[in-house]
Amino acid sequence: MVAGIGIAGFSCADALLERNADVVVIDDQDGAEQRNKAQILEVLGATVRLGDGQTLPEADLLVVSPGLPPSAPVIRSAQAKDMPVWGELELAWRVRHPESAPWLFVTGTNGKTTTTLMLAAMLRAAGLRTDAVGNIGVSLVAAVLDPRPYDVLAVEVGAPQLPFVHTVSPHAAVCLNLAEDHVDFFGSFRAYRDAKARVYERTQVACVYNSQDPATIEMVEQAEVVEGCRAIGFTLGIPGRSEVGVVEDILADRAFLEQRDTHALELATVDDVRPPVPHQIANALAAAAMARSFDVQPRHIGLGLRQFEPARHRIAEVGRVDDVLYIDDSKATNAHAADMSLRAYDPVVWIAGGLAKGQSFDDLVQRHARRLRAVVLLGADRELILAALQRHAPDVPVEVVTGTDTGAMQEVVTRAAGLAQTGDTVLLAPGCASWDMFTDYAQRGREFAAAVSSLEAR
């Protein structure tokens, strides 16, 4: 049985049908997209039940999509019957050819998409056939079954994919950072943390961690890994032994060279990173460490960074009007991501709000109150951020947009433009999910860019 008919669920069902399994697919949704996929799977021999994703049919195995929380009734029912429960990662590992491409795992509360894409760019620069797959929107199951074999795969791993991984053994793995997120999905921050920590289990060559994030250090210390696997840190400071870091304007390696006690190897320069803001440099260092674990040469690290195309809606400059810079970081869907974005600009007119997902914003506001010129709030949970601003930044001007249609972004940007002064940055870093008003963070970013374009046209 496959629960979910999205990108992962469809590919899982297809792979199982190819292996002559009797497949039942269920999904809570019954829209046009689900029906189109259901029609294809039914032609291939599956039974599909739309509109009821929680009833467990008789089955020998449950394969779950990452959108289902561990507490979902269908998962609880399977566990009560001692039925094995696998995620997409586990199924992909089981159906792959034993000699197929090694996997490089990238997770973290924030930055994992950017880091995965950077890693893939470095691997391509080295002449390797690779792709960025997994949580990034390309099915890992489809990738491992590609008739043209890959040399290595850069796999973005979200926390919801990790609870049902049992035998996967990546070549290398990194957790970039850990902050409060998905509390509503996992039920507690501890459960979320424990899910993230599973990324390091059975790692073969390198567990890469954030030297400035104690949580990731603890994860590596507690992980059960393959004997001989090394712990490799990345830091924005000068690297110590078995670390990659920054020496003046050089990204330097003191982990993957024989003379690491006394020497460092130049991998790239800070100018190779776009944009060269602190959290983007940290992402580049993490990607470099992962690539070096696969023997990618230093010249290919820098070349990969220069060839890297940043994903949209992540610290993207969308316009400059009256000497005010407008930045789209709609992908900042939690407070930790907004924190990293706010660190890059000063002073800021901050656009925030949406679905808070159980987060608190007090620490975020306290940390950045001094750099806030003003704040414009929108979305379902805007009052949570407003309350934090009233407690910790009472002198910062705040405007609240109450409209909930997508066109409200025009009003948001207009108000932000009115509050901004010469040299300021208007920063869309919502700190919240987008689903209350938009299809996804990408639509939110597009609406923001369109509103900025209308300012330019005046």
Protein backbone atom coordinates (compact mmCIF):
# COMPACT_ATOMS: atom_id res chain seq x y z
CA MET A 1 0.00 0.00 0.00
CA VAL A 2 1.22 3.51 -0.89
CA ALA A 3 -0.17 6.45 1.11
CA GLY A 4 -0.08 9.61 -0.99
CA ILE A 5 -0.20 10.17 -4.75
CA GLY A 6 2.12 13.17 -5.02
CA ILE A 7 5.59 13.17 -6.64
CA ALA A 8 7.04 10.65 -4.18
CA GLY A 9 3.95 8.47 -3.86
CA PHE A 10 3.40 8.22 -7.62
CA SER A 11 7.02 7.20 -8.24
CA CYS A 12 6.92 4.66 -5.40
CA ALA A 13 3.72 3.08 -6.73
CA ASP A 14 5.14 2.97 -10.26
CA ALA A 15 8.35 1.29 -9.05
CA LEU A 16 6.42 -1.30 -7.05
CA LEU A 17 4.14 -2.09 -9.98
CA GLU A 18 7.22 -2.68 -12.17
CA ARG A 19 8.27 -5.28 -9.61
CA ASN A 20 4.92 -7.09 -9.91
CA ALA A 21 3.61 -6.01 -6.51
CA ASP A 22 -0.12 -5.74 -5.91
CA VAL A 23 -0.39 -2.02 -5.18
CA VAL A 24 -3.16 -0.05 -3.48
CA VAL A 25 -2.74 3.75 -3.47
CA ILE A 26 -4.73 6.01 -1.16
CA ASP A 27 -4.89 9.80 -0.84
CA ASP A 28 -7.10 12.23 1.10
CA GLN A 29 -7.40 14.52 -1.91
CA ASP A 30 -9.69 13.92 -4.88
CA GLY A 31 -8.84 16.75 -7.27
CA ALA A 32 -7.99 16.87 -10.95
CA GLU A 33 -4.26 16.32 -10.38
CA GLN A 34 -4.89 13.27 -8.19
CA ARG A 35 -7.38 11.81 -10.67
CA ASN A 36 -4.94 12.19 -13.57
CA LYS A 37 -2.24 10.30 -11.69
CA ALA A 38 -4.76 7.73 -10.50
CA GLN A 39 -5.81 7.03 -14.08
CA ILE A 40 -2.21 6.32 -15.09
CA LEU A 41 -1.59 4.04 -12.12
CA GLU A 42 -4.84 2.16 -12.68
CA VAL A 43 -3.84 1.48 -16.29
CA LEU A 44 -0.58 0.06 -14.91
CA GLY A 45 -2.53 -2.21 -12.58
CA ALA A 46 -2.87 -0.37 -9.28
CA THR A 47 -6.00 0.07 -7.20
CA VAL A 48 -6.45 3.74 -6.29
CA ARG A 49 -8.74 5.11 -3.58
CA LEU A 50 -9.07 8.88 -3.54
CA GLY A 51 -10.80 10.92 -0.87
CA ASP A 52 -9.82 8.58 1.97
CA GLY A 53 -6.15 8.54 2.86
CA GLN A 54 -6.50 7.13 6.36
CA THR A 55 -8.19 3.74 5.97
CA LEU A 56 -5.66 0.91 5.94
CA PRO A 57 -6.44 -1.94 3.52
CA GLU A 58 -4.92 -5.37 3.98
CA ALA A 59 -1.28 -5.15 2.97
CA ASP A 60 2.19 -6.52 3.65
CA LEU A 61 3.96 -3.15 3.47
CA LEU A 62 3.00 0.51 3.88
CA VAL A 63 5.02 3.09 1.89
CA VAL A 64 4.31 6.62 3.11
CA SER A 65 4.77 9.98 1.43
CA PRO A 66 6.62 12.70 3.40
CA GLY A 67 3.45 14.77 3.72
CA LEU A 68 2.04 12.32 6.27
CA PRO A 69 2.99 13.03 9.91
CA PRO A 70 4.19 10.05 11.98
CA SER A 71 0.97 10.29 14.01
CA ALA A 72 -1.30 9.83 10.95
CA PRO A 73 -4.03 7.23 11.59
CA VAL A 74 -2.97 5.08 8.64
CA ILE A 75 0.59 4.88 10.00
CA ARG A 76 -0.61 4.16 13.54
CA SER A 77 -2.87 1.42 12.18
CA ALA A 78 0.01 -0.19 10.30
CA GLN A 79 2.28 -0.07 13.34
CA ALA A 80 -0.42 -1.61 15.52
CA LYS A 81 -0.50 -4.55 13.08
CA ASP A 82 3.34 -4.80 13.02
CA MET A 83 3.24 -3.92 9.33
CA PRO A 84 6.56 -2.54 8.01
CA VAL A 85 6.42 1.18 7.23
CA TRP A 86 8.91 2.63 4.71
CA GLY A 87 9.40 6.11 3.34
CA GLU A 88 10.50 6.97 -0.18
CA LEU A 89 14.17 6.94 0.85
CA GLU A 90 13.93 3.40 2.17
CA LEU A 91 12.10 2.11 -0.90
CA ALA A 92 14.63 3.79 -3.21
CA TRP A 93 17.48 2.18 -1.29
CA ARG A 94 15.86 -1.26 -1.51
CA VAL A 95 15.05 -1.14 -5.24
CA ARG A 96 18.33 0.43 -6.40
CA HIS A 97 21.00 -1.69 -8.05
CA PRO A 98 23.64 -2.61 -5.42
CA GLU A 99 26.35 -1.02 -7.58
CA SER A 100 24.39 2.17 -8.21
CA ALA A 101 25.46 5.72 -7.36
CA PRO A 102 26.40 6.64 -3.80
CA TRP A 103 24.10 9.10 -1.99
CA LEU A 104 25.15 12.39 -0.40
CA PHE A 105 22.49 13.48 2.13
CA VAL A 106 21.77 17.16 2.89
CA THR A 107 19.33 18.20 5.60
CA GLY A 108 18.87 21.08 8.04
CA THR A 109 16.12 23.42 9.14
CA ASN A 110 17.26 25.93 6.54
CA GLY A 111 19.56 26.09 3.52
CA LYS A 112 19.23 22.48 2.40
CA THR A 113 17.89 23.24 -1.09
CA THR A 114 20.63 25.79 -1.78
CA THR A 115 23.33 23.49 -0.39
CA THR A 116 22.07 20.51 -2.39
CA LEU A 117 22.11 22.56 -5.60
CA MET A 118 25.59 23.88 -4.80
CA LEU A 119 26.79 20.33 -4.18
CA ALA A 120 25.32 19.12 -7.46
CA ALA A 121 27.04 22.01 -9.28
CA MET A 122 30.40 21.04 -7.76
CA LEU A 123 29.93 17.41 -8.74
CA ARG A 124 29.02 18.39 -12.31
CA ALA A 125 32.04 20.68 -12.51
CA ALA A 126 34.14 17.59 -11.73
CA GLY A 127 32.62 15.83 -14.76
CA LEU A 128 30.37 13.51 -12.76
CA ARG A 129 26.86 12.56 -13.86
CA THR A 130 24.68 13.66 -10.99
CA ASP A 131 21.41 15.34 -10.07
CA ALA A 132 19.82 17.12 -7.12
CA VAL A 133 16.98 14.83 -6.01
CA GLY A 134 14.70 13.94 -3.11
CA ASN A 135 12.91 16.65 -1.17
CA ILE A 136 13.92 19.11 -3.87
CA GLY A 137 11.08 17.89 -6.11
CA VAL A 138 12.79 15.15 -8.16
CA SER A 139 11.86 11.64 -7.08
CA LEU A 140 14.75 9.66 -5.63
CA VAL A 141 13.02 6.41 -6.63
CA ALA A 142 12.88 7.59 -10.25
CA ALA A 143 16.54 8.62 -10.10
CA VAL A 144 17.84 5.26 -8.86
CA LEU A 145 15.84 3.47 -11.56
CA ASP A 146 17.07 5.73 -14.38
CA PRO A 147 18.41 3.47 -17.15
CA ARG A 148 21.42 5.78 -17.50
CA PRO A 149 23.39 5.25 -14.29
CA TYR A 150 24.48 8.23 -12.20
CA ASP A 151 27.95 8.56 -10.67
CA VAL A 152 26.62 10.11 -7.46
CA LEU A 153 23.37 11.71 -6.23
CA ALA A 154 22.96 14.90 -4.17
CA VAL A 155 19.90 14.14 -2.06
CA GLU A 156 17.96 16.84 -0.22
CA VAL A 157 16.34 15.23 2.81
CA GLY A 158 13.49 16.84 4.74
CA ALA A 159 12.73 15.82 8.30
CA PRO A 160 9.36 14.26 7.30
CA GLN A 161 11.28 11.77 5.10
CA LEU A 162 13.46 10.45 7.91
CA PRO A 163 11.26 8.66 10.49
CA PHE A 164 10.77 5.64 8.21
CA VAL A 165 14.36 5.08 7.08
CA HIS A 166 15.75 1.76 8.29
CA THR A 167 18.66 0.47 6.19
CA VAL A 168 19.82 3.43 4.06
CA SER A 169 23.59 3.98 4.24
CA PRO A 170 24.70 7.29 2.63
CA HIS A 171 28.27 7.96 1.53
CA ALA A 172 28.19 11.26 3.45
CA ALA A 173 25.58 13.30 5.30
CA VAL A 174 25.25 16.83 6.63
CA CYS A 175 22.79 18.58 8.95
CA LEU A 176 23.33 22.28 8.30
CA ASN A 177 21.54 23.64 11.37
CA LEU A 178 18.66 22.95 13.72
CA ALA A 179 15.96 25.34 14.83
CA GLU A 180 12.32 25.19 15.81
CA ASP A 181 10.22 24.08 12.84
CA HIS A 182 7.58 21.48 11.96
CA VAL A 183 6.52 21.32 15.62
CA ASP A 184 2.92 20.92 14.45
CA PHE A 185 3.96 18.01 12.21
CA PHE A 186 6.03 16.06 14.75
CA GLY A 187 4.23 17.06 17.94
CA SER A 188 7.33 18.41 19.69
CA PHE A 189 10.68 20.00 18.95
CA ARG A 190 12.45 16.97 20.42
CA ALA A 191 10.69 14.64 17.98
CA TYR A 192 11.67 16.96 15.12
CA ARG A 193 15.28 16.98 16.32
CA ASP A 194 15.36 13.20 16.63
CA ALA A 195 14.04 12.85 13.06
CA LYS A 196 16.76 15.15 11.72
CA ALA A 197 19.44 13.19 13.61
CA ARG A 198 18.58 10.04 11.66
CA VAL A 199 20.27 11.56 8.59
CA TYR A 200 23.64 10.46 10.03
CA GLU A 201 22.72 6.84 10.72
CA ARG A 202 24.90 4.28 8.88
CA THR A 203 26.94 7.03 7.14
CA GLN A 204 29.99 5.52 5.47
CA VAL A 205 32.65 8.21 4.92
CA ALA A 206 31.85 11.65 6.40
CA CYS A 207 29.36 13.12 8.86
CA VAL A 208 29.52 16.86 8.17
CA TYR A 209 28.26 19.13 10.95
CA ASN A 210 27.97 22.82 11.78
CA SER A 211 30.76 23.69 14.20
CA GLN A 212 28.73 26.68 15.43
CA ASP A 213 25.54 24.67 16.06
CA PRO A 214 25.87 22.45 19.16
CA ALA A 215 22.79 20.44 18.18
CA THR A 216 24.44 19.14 15.02
CA ILE A 217 27.61 18.26 16.95
CA GLU A 218 25.51 16.24 19.40
CA MET A 219 23.76 14.46 16.53
CA VAL A 220 27.08 13.30 15.08
CA GLU A 221 28.40 12.23 18.47
CA GLN A 222 25.34 10.06 19.04
CA ALA A 223 25.04 8.61 15.52
CA GLU A 224 25.64 4.93 14.77
CA VAL A 225 27.89 5.10 11.70
CA VAL A 226 29.99 2.74 9.62
CA GLU A 227 33.38 2.13 11.20
CA GLY A 228 35.95 4.60 9.87
CA CYS A 229 33.44 7.35 9.13
CA ARG A 230 34.87 10.78 10.00
CA ALA A 231 33.28 13.82 11.64
CA ILE A 232 33.95 16.95 9.56
CA GLY A 233 33.01 20.43 10.76
CA PHE A 234 32.28 23.58 8.76
CA THR A 235 32.72 27.03 10.27
CA LEU A 236 32.63 30.67 9.22
CA GLY A 237 35.80 31.11 11.27
CA ILE A 238 39.33 29.87 10.69
CA PRO A 239 39.10 26.08 10.34
CA GLY A 240 40.66 23.77 12.87
CA ARG A 241 41.86 20.26 12.12
CA SER A 242 39.16 18.22 10.30
CA GLU A 243 37.19 21.35 9.42
CA VAL A 244 36.51 23.54 6.43
CA GLY A 245 36.26 27.27 7.05
CA VAL A 246 37.24 30.78 6.02
CA VAL A 247 40.73 32.29 6.11
CA GLU A 248 40.46 35.97 5.17
CA ASP A 249 38.54 35.71 1.87
CA ILE A 250 39.45 32.06 1.14
CA LEU A 251 37.25 28.98 1.65
CA ALA A 252 39.83 26.59 3.08
CA ASP A 253 39.98 22.82 3.67
CA ARG A 254 41.78 21.34 6.70
CA ALA A 255 39.87 18.07 6.57
CA PHE A 256 40.61 16.24 3.32
CA LEU A 257 44.38 16.55 3.00
CA GLU A 258 47.16 14.54 4.58
CA GLN A 259 48.94 17.54 6.17
CA ARG A 260 45.80 18.85 7.88
CA ASP A 261 47.66 19.36 11.17
CA THR A 262 49.74 22.14 9.67
CA HIS A 263 48.29 23.04 6.25
CA ALA A 264 45.07 24.21 4.61
CA LEU A 265 43.97 23.86 1.01
CA GLU A 266 42.29 26.69 -0.93
CA LEU A 267 38.93 25.59 -2.33
CA ALA A 268 37.39 28.85 -3.54
CA THR A 269 37.01 32.50 -2.60
CA VAL A 270 34.20 34.29 -0.82
CA ASP A 271 33.56 36.16 -4.09
CA ASP A 272 32.68 32.82 -5.72
CA VAL A 273 29.62 32.64 -3.45
CA ARG A 274 26.48 34.44 -4.63
CA PRO A 275 25.34 36.40 -2.72
CA PRO A 276 28.33 36.44 -0.33
CA VAL A 277 26.22 36.76 2.83
CA PRO A 278 27.15 34.70 5.92
CA HIS A 279 24.57 31.94 5.70
CA GLN A 280 25.24 31.47 1.96
CA ILE A 281 28.96 31.12 2.69
CA ALA A 282 28.11 28.52 5.34
CA ASN A 283 26.03 26.63 2.78
CA ALA A 284 28.95 26.73 0.33
CA LEU A 285 31.33 25.36 2.97
CA ALA A 286 28.96 22.51 3.80
CA ALA A 287 28.56 21.65 0.11
CA ALA A 288 32.34 21.82 -0.35
CA ALA A 289 32.91 19.40 2.53
CA MET A 290 30.41 16.97 1.06
CA ALA A 291 32.01 17.22 -2.39
CA ARG A 292 35.50 16.75 -0.95
CA SER A 293 34.28 13.58 0.80
CA PHE A 294 33.70 12.26 -2.73
CA ASP A 295 37.20 13.27 -3.86
CA VAL A 296 36.13 16.33 -5.85
CA GLN A 297 39.25 18.43 -6.49
CA PRO A 298 39.57 22.01 -5.18
CA ARG A 299 39.46 23.63 -8.63
CA HIS A 300 36.07 22.02 -9.22
CA ILE A 301 34.70 23.39 -5.92
CA GLY A 302 35.31 26.98 -7.03
CA LEU A 303 34.12 26.28 -10.56
CA GLY A 304 30.94 24.70 -9.25
CA LEU A 305 30.19 27.72 -7.06
CA ARG A 306 30.70 30.06 -10.01
CA GLN A 307 28.40 27.93 -12.19
CA PHE A 308 25.78 27.52 -9.45
CA GLU A 309 22.41 29.09 -10.23
CA PRO A 310 20.64 30.09 -7.00
CA ALA A 311 17.12 28.76 -6.60
CA ARG A 312 14.38 31.34 -6.96
CA HIS A 313 12.86 33.08 -3.92
CA ARG A 314 16.00 32.66 -1.81
CA ILE A 315 17.74 35.99 -1.12
CA ALA A 316 16.88 37.11 -4.65
CA GLU A 317 17.17 40.77 -5.62
CA VAL A 318 13.97 41.67 -7.46
CA GLY A 319 14.38 45.40 -7.87
CA ARG A 320 15.76 48.72 -6.68
CA VAL A 321 13.36 51.67 -6.55
CA ASP A 322 14.37 55.14 -5.30
CA ASP A 323 17.61 53.66 -3.94
CA VAL A 324 15.71 51.08 -1.88
CA LEU A 325 16.66 47.44 -2.46
CA TYR A 326 13.86 44.82 -2.61
CA ILE A 327 14.80 41.24 -1.65
CA ASP A 328 12.62 38.15 -2.13
CA ASP A 329 13.36 35.46 0.46
CA SER A 330 9.91 33.93 0.40
CA LYS A 331 11.56 30.56 1.06
CA ALA A 332 12.23 31.80 4.62
CA THR A 333 9.25 29.85 5.94
CA ASN A 334 10.34 29.68 9.58
CA ALA A 335 11.88 31.98 12.16
CA HIS A 336 15.35 30.49 11.81
CA ALA A 337 15.41 31.18 8.07
CA ALA A 338 14.13 34.71 8.66
CA ASP A 339 16.88 35.19 11.24
CA MET A 340 19.60 34.30 8.73
CA SER A 341 18.03 36.57 6.12
CA LEU A 342 17.73 39.53 8.49
CA ARG A 343 21.40 39.15 9.45
CA ALA A 344 22.38 40.01 5.87
CA TYR A 345 20.77 43.50 5.69
CA ASP A 346 20.63 46.67 7.79
CA PRO A 347 18.47 48.73 8.04
CA VAL A 348 15.44 46.70 7.00
CA VAL A 349 11.76 47.15 6.34
CA TRP A 350 10.69 43.60 7.16
CA ILE A 351 7.69 41.91 5.55
CA ALA A 352 6.58 38.96 7.69
CA GLY A 353 3.66 36.69 8.49
CA GLY A 354 1.68 33.68 7.30
CA LEU A 355 1.17 30.33 9.04
CA ALA A 356 3.43 30.16 12.10
CA LYS A 357 3.47 26.34 12.45
CA GLY A 358 3.66 26.55 16.24
CA GLN A 359 6.70 28.84 16.36
CA SER A 360 7.57 31.67 18.75
CA PHE A 361 9.00 34.93 17.37
CA ASP A 362 10.26 36.56 20.56
CA ASP A 363 13.92 35.59 20.14
CA LEU A 364 13.88 36.62 16.48
CA VAL A 365 12.48 40.08 17.23
CA GLN A 366 14.81 40.63 20.18
CA ARG A 367 17.83 39.72 18.07
CA HIS A 368 17.01 42.08 15.19
CA ALA A 369 15.06 44.95 16.78
CA ARG A 370 17.94 47.40 16.26
CA ARG A 371 18.09 46.82 12.49
CA LEU A 372 14.33 47.17 11.85
CA ARG A 373 13.31 50.44 10.20
CA ALA A 374 9.70 49.21 10.15
CA VAL A 375 7.62 46.05 9.77
CA VAL A 376 4.66 45.19 7.53
CA LEU A 377 2.66 42.13 8.63
CA LEU A 378 0.27 39.91 6.70
CA GLY A 379 -1.25 36.46 6.95
CA ALA A 380 -3.21 34.30 9.36
CA ASP A 381 -0.75 34.40 12.28
CA ARG A 382 0.37 38.03 11.93
CA GLU A 383 -0.84 38.78 15.46
CA LEU A 384 1.80 36.43 16.91
CA ILE A 385 4.57 38.48 15.33
CA LEU A 386 2.83 41.73 16.24
CA ALA A 387 2.73 40.67 19.90
CA ALA A 388 6.44 39.85 19.84
CA LEU A 389 7.19 43.25 18.29
CA GLN A 390 5.12 45.03 20.94
CA ARG A 391 7.03 43.20 23.68
CA HIS A 392 10.56 43.57 22.34
CA ALA A 393 10.58 46.37 19.74
CA PRO A 394 7.80 48.77 20.80
CA ASP A 395 9.38 51.74 19.03
CA VAL A 396 9.50 50.07 15.60
CA PRO A 397 6.65 51.26 13.33
CA VAL A 398 4.34 48.38 12.35
CA GLU A 399 1.63 48.26 9.71
CA VAL A 400 -0.81 45.36 9.45
CA VAL A 401 -2.45 44.29 6.19
CA THR A 402 -5.64 42.38 6.94
CA GLY A 403 -6.53 41.32 3.40
CA THR A 404 -6.17 37.60 2.75
CA ASP A 405 -6.47 37.45 -1.04
CA THR A 406 -3.27 37.15 -3.04
CA GLY A 407 -3.67 40.73 -4.23
CA ALA A 408 -2.94 41.88 -0.68
CA MET A 409 0.76 41.66 -1.52
CA GLN A 410 0.42 44.82 -3.63
CA GLU A 411 -0.77 46.70 -0.54
CA VAL A 412 2.02 45.15 1.54
CA VAL A 413 4.72 46.33 -0.87
CA THR A 414 3.16 49.78 -1.24
CA ARG A 415 3.16 50.25 2.52
CA ALA A 416 6.72 48.96 2.83
CA ALA A 417 7.87 51.39 0.13
CA GLY A 418 6.25 54.24 2.07
CA LEU A 419 8.16 53.28 5.22
CA ALA A 420 11.56 52.73 3.58
CA GLN A 421 14.27 55.38 3.41
CA THR A 422 17.17 55.84 1.01
CA GLY A 423 19.64 52.96 1.42
CA ASP A 424 17.16 50.65 3.16
CA THR A 425 16.28 47.09 2.17
CA VAL A 426 12.68 45.92 1.94
CA LEU A 427 12.98 42.25 2.84
CA LEU A 428 10.32 39.61 2.28
CA ALA A 429 11.43 37.00 4.83
CA PRO A 430 8.06 35.92 6.22
CA GLY A 431 9.23 33.43 8.86
CA CYS A 432 6.01 31.55 8.17
CA ALA A 433 4.48 29.13 5.70
CA SER A 434 2.47 30.56 2.81
CA TRP A 435 -0.57 28.29 2.52
CA ASP A 436 -3.01 30.65 4.23
CA MET A 437 -2.89 33.06 1.27
CA PHE A 438 -0.84 31.47 -1.50
CA THR A 439 -0.42 28.14 -3.27
CA ASP A 440 3.16 27.96 -1.99
CA TYR A 441 6.17 30.14 -1.14
CA ALA A 442 6.96 30.47 -4.86
CA GLN A 443 3.64 32.14 -5.62
CA ARG A 444 4.16 34.43 -2.64
CA GLY A 445 7.55 35.41 -4.05
CA ARG A 446 6.15 35.98 -7.53
CA GLU A 447 3.41 38.25 -6.15
CA PHE A 448 6.05 40.21 -4.25
CA ALA A 449 8.21 40.62 -7.36
CA ALA A 450 5.18 41.69 -9.41
CA ALA A 451 4.26 44.31 -6.81
CA VAL A 452 7.84 45.66 -6.83
CA SER A 453 7.69 45.83 -10.65
CA SER A 454 4.56 47.95 -10.39
CA LEU A 455 6.46 50.37 -8.14
CA GLU A 456 9.22 50.63 -10.76
CA ALA A 457 6.64 51.38 -13.46
CA ARG A 458 5.18 54.40 -11.69
